């Protein structure tokens, strides 16, 4: 799949990215290469491939699940602008 310069500009606009006009062909080439790679990866038959937790199928070193820090909630909430019932109150940003 090859992206056109107009498509790259539209993607940049949607992502709120500023791209210089002379860089558009490079972005088009790079993004087209990524899309082609994704298409090739999607075409691979992976039905018989078992899932792995690690690419080298190694065991993960796990740590003990225990509390290592003190509870300082009151200290932090004392300096917060607004707190109610142990919760931080923040301004509404979506109407």
Protein backbone atom coordinates (compact mmCIF):
# COMPACT_ATOMS: atom_id res chain seq x y z
CA UNK A 1 0.00 0.00 0.00
CA UNK A 2 1.50 3.29 -1.07
CA UNK A 3 0.44 6.52 0.60
CA UNK A 4 0.12 9.72 -1.37
CA UNK A 5 1.38 13.10 -0.20
CA UNK A 6 -2.19 14.23 0.46
CA UNK A 7 -2.83 11.19 2.67
CA UNK A 8 0.35 11.88 4.65
CA UNK A 9 -0.72 15.50 5.15
CA UNK A 10 -4.16 14.35 6.31
CA UNK A 11 -2.62 11.87 8.77
CA UNK A 12 -0.29 14.59 10.07
CA UNK A 13 -3.24 16.95 10.49
CA UNK A 14 -5.26 14.34 12.40
CA UNK A 15 -2.26 13.60 14.63
CA UNK A 16 -1.69 17.34 15.09
CA UNK A 17 1.86 17.05 13.73
CA UNK A 18 3.64 19.75 11.81
CA UNK A 19 5.52 18.34 8.81
CA UNK A 20 7.67 20.42 6.50
CA UNK A 21 6.64 20.21 2.86
CA UNK A 22 10.03 18.84 1.77
CA UNK A 23 9.73 15.96 4.31
CA UNK A 24 6.34 14.71 3.07
CA UNK A 25 7.80 12.31 0.44
CA UNK A 26 10.08 10.74 3.08
CA UNK A 27 7.17 10.28 5.48
CA UNK A 28 5.07 8.79 2.68
CA UNK A 29 7.81 6.28 1.89
CA UNK A 30 8.39 5.34 5.53
CA UNK A 31 4.70 5.03 6.39
CA UNK A 32 4.03 3.01 3.24
CA UNK A 33 6.84 0.64 4.22
CA UNK A 34 5.31 0.19 7.68
CA UNK A 35 1.89 -0.53 6.23
CA UNK A 36 3.38 -3.07 3.83
CA UNK A 37 5.15 -4.76 6.73
CA UNK A 38 1.90 -4.92 8.72
CA UNK A 39 0.11 -6.40 5.71
CA UNK A 40 2.85 -9.02 5.29
CA UNK A 41 2.69 -9.90 8.98
CA UNK A 42 -1.09 -10.18 8.80
CA UNK A 43 -0.83 -12.60 5.90
CA UNK A 44 1.29 -15.08 7.87
CA UNK A 45 -0.59 -18.19 9.04
CA UNK A 46 -0.08 -18.24 12.79
CA UNK A 47 -2.90 -20.63 13.69
CA UNK A 48 -0.51 -23.34 14.93
CA UNK A 49 1.92 -21.03 16.73
CA UNK A 50 1.50 -21.20 20.51
CA UNK A 51 1.52 -17.87 22.38
CA UNK A 52 4.67 -17.04 24.30
CA UNK A 53 5.16 -14.84 27.34
CA UNK A 54 8.64 -13.88 26.14
CA UNK A 55 10.15 -13.86 22.65
CA UNK A 56 12.93 -16.17 23.83
CA UNK A 57 10.44 -18.23 25.89
CA UNK A 58 12.38 -17.59 29.09
CA UNK A 59 11.04 -17.69 32.61
CA UNK A 60 10.30 -14.31 34.12
CA UNK A 61 11.99 -13.41 37.34
CA UNK A 62 9.17 -12.42 39.65
CA UNK A 63 9.53 -10.51 42.87
CA UNK A 64 7.55 -11.11 46.02
CA UNK A 65 4.28 -9.20 46.11
CA UNK A 66 4.72 -7.20 49.29
CA UNK A 67 4.35 -3.58 50.34
CA UNK A 68 7.68 -1.76 50.38
CA UNK A 69 6.57 1.85 50.93
CA UNK A 70 4.85 3.61 53.79
CA UNK A 71 1.30 4.92 53.47
CA UNK A 72 1.70 8.71 53.31
CA UNK A 73 -1.72 9.56 51.92
CA UNK A 74 -2.55 12.13 54.59
CA UNK A 75 0.78 13.91 53.98
CA UNK A 76 0.20 14.13 50.22
CA UNK A 77 -3.46 15.10 50.53
CA UNK A 78 -2.57 17.87 52.98
CA UNK A 79 -0.81 19.74 50.16
CA UNK A 80 -3.37 18.91 47.45
CA UNK A 81 -5.60 21.77 46.22
CA UNK A 82 -8.86 19.89 46.80
CA UNK A 83 -9.58 16.64 48.61
CA UNK A 84 -12.83 15.04 49.67
CA UNK A 85 -13.38 11.70 51.43
CA UNK A 86 -9.79 10.64 50.76
CA UNK A 87 -10.01 11.38 47.03
CA UNK A 88 -8.31 14.06 44.96
CA UNK A 89 -10.76 16.45 43.30
CA UNK A 90 -9.78 17.70 39.86
CA UNK A 91 -11.44 20.18 37.49
CA UNK A 92 -13.89 18.78 34.97
CA UNK A 93 -12.23 18.78 31.52
CA UNK A 94 -14.94 17.13 29.42
CA UNK A 95 -18.43 18.54 29.31
